[in-house]
C-alpha atoms as a PDB file:
ATOM      1  CA  MET A   1      49.527 -10.055 -51.656  1.00  0.00           C
ATOM      2  CA  PHE A   2      47.960 -13.442 -50.901  1.00  0.00           C
ATOM      3  CA  CYS A   3      44.743 -11.748 -49.761  1.00  0.00           C
ATOM      4  CA  LEU A   4      44.530  -9.863 -53.050  1.00  0.00           C
ATOM      5  CA  VAL A   5      44.863 -13.100 -55.016  1.00  0.00           C
ATOM      6  CA  ALA A   6      42.203 -14.769 -52.881  1.00  0.00           C
ATOM      7  CA  LEU A   7      39.893 -11.783 -53.365  1.00  0.00           C
ATOM      8  CA  GLN A   8      40.374 -11.868 -57.147  1.00  0.00           C
ATOM      9  CA  ILE A   9      39.565 -15.580 -57.257  1.00  0.00           C
ATOM     10  CA  THR A  10      36.465 -15.070 -55.121  1.00  0.00           C
ATOM     11  CA  VAL A  11      35.231 -12.249 -57.328  1.00  0.00           C
ATOM     12  CA  HIS A  12      35.728 -14.295 -60.479  1.00  0.00           C
ATOM     13  CA  VAL A  13      33.830 -17.222 -58.970  1.00  0.00           C
ATOM     14  CA  MET A  14      31.028 -14.826 -58.027  1.00  0.00           C
ATOM     15  CA  GLU A  15      30.973 -13.481 -61.587  1.00  0.00           C
ATOM     16  CA  ARG A  16      30.615 -16.981 -63.012  1.00  0.00           C
ATOM     17  CA  ALA A  17      27.764 -17.737 -60.612  1.00  0.00           C
ATOM     18  CA  LEU A  18      26.073 -14.455 -61.503  1.00  0.00           C
ATOM     19  CA  ASP A  19      26.416 -15.222 -65.199  1.00  0.00           C
ATOM     20  CA  PHE A  20      24.785 -18.607 -64.596  1.00  0.00           C
ATOM     21  CA  TYR A  21      21.860 -17.050 -62.697  1.00  0.00           C
ATOM     22  CA  VAL A  22      21.366 -14.403 -65.394  1.00  0.00           C
ATOM     23  CA  LYS A  23      20.945 -17.161 -67.938  1.00  0.00           C
ATOM     24  CA  LEU A  24      18.638 -19.087 -65.620  1.00  0.00           C
ATOM     25  CA  PHE A  25      16.350 -16.354 -64.293  1.00  0.00           C
ATOM     26  CA  LEU A  26      14.965 -13.484 -66.359  1.00  0.00           C
ATOM     27  CA  ARG A  27      14.311 -11.332 -63.281  1.00  0.00           C
ATOM     28  CA  VAL A  28      18.020 -11.327 -62.391  1.00  0.00           C
ATOM     29  CA  ARG A  29      18.786 -10.195 -65.915  1.00  0.00           C
ATOM     30  CA  ALA A  30      16.336  -7.299 -65.555  1.00  0.00           C
ATOM     31  CA  VAL A  31      17.989  -6.205 -62.299  1.00  0.00           C
ATOM     32  CA  LEU A  32      21.443  -6.251 -63.856  1.00  0.00           C
ATOM     33  CA  GLU A  33      20.255  -4.343 -66.909  1.00  0.00           C
ATOM     34  CA  ALA A  34      18.883  -1.650 -64.591  1.00  0.00           C
ATOM     35  CA  ALA A  35      22.162  -1.352 -62.666  1.00  0.00           C
ATOM     36  CA  SER A  36      23.602   2.120 -62.334  1.00  0.00           C
ATOM     37  CA  ALA A  37      26.945   3.392 -63.517  1.00  0.00           C
ATOM     38  CA  GLU A  38      28.138   3.237 -59.901  1.00  0.00           C
ATOM     39  CA  ALA A  39      27.466  -0.493 -59.829  1.00  0.00           C
ATOM     40  CA  ARG A  40      29.473  -0.951 -63.010  1.00  0.00           C
ATOM     41  CA  ASN A  41      32.322   1.095 -61.531  1.00  0.00           C
ATOM     42  CA  LEU A  42      32.313  -1.045 -58.390  1.00  0.00           C
ATOM     43  CA  VAL A  43      32.600  -4.197 -60.462  1.00  0.00           C
ATOM     44  CA  TYR A  44      35.421  -2.576 -62.428  1.00  0.00           C
ATOM     45  CA  LEU A  45      37.253  -1.793 -59.198  1.00  0.00           C
ATOM     46  CA  TRP A  46      36.935  -5.461 -58.211  1.00  0.00           C
ATOM     47  CA  GLY A  47      39.166  -6.208 -61.180  1.00  0.00           C
ATOM     48  CA  LEU A  48      36.794  -7.938 -63.562  1.00  0.00           C
ATOM     49  CA  LYS A  49      37.409  -7.464 -67.247  1.00  0.00           C
ATOM     50  CA  THR A  50      34.936  -5.379 -69.191  1.00  0.00           C
ATOM     51  CA  THR A  51      34.276  -8.311 -71.491  1.00  0.00           C
ATOM     52  CA  ASP A  52      33.160 -10.333 -68.462  1.00  0.00           C
ATOM     53  CA  ILE A  53      30.912  -7.541 -67.260  1.00  0.00           C
ATOM     54  CA  ASP A  54      29.465  -6.616 -70.652  1.00  0.00           C
ATOM     55  CA  ARG A  55      28.495 -10.228 -71.156  1.00  0.00           C
ATOM     56  CA  LEU A  56      26.272  -9.912 -68.075  1.00  0.00           C
ATOM     57  CA  PHE A  57      24.539  -6.800 -69.352  1.00  0.00           C
ATOM     58  CA  LYS A  58      23.704  -8.102 -72.838  1.00  0.00           C
END
């Protein structure tokens, strides 16, 4: 159970960092916009909310 909590926290920190880089670098944004459905599913399985993910793809 503790490992799951630690994993969730790590993933959320990674999401925040990714969001920051998307705002900072246009090339990162282009890569994320080109991401496949499989990539979106993987992020969903990590437990991120769709609102967090959709914010990255806008």
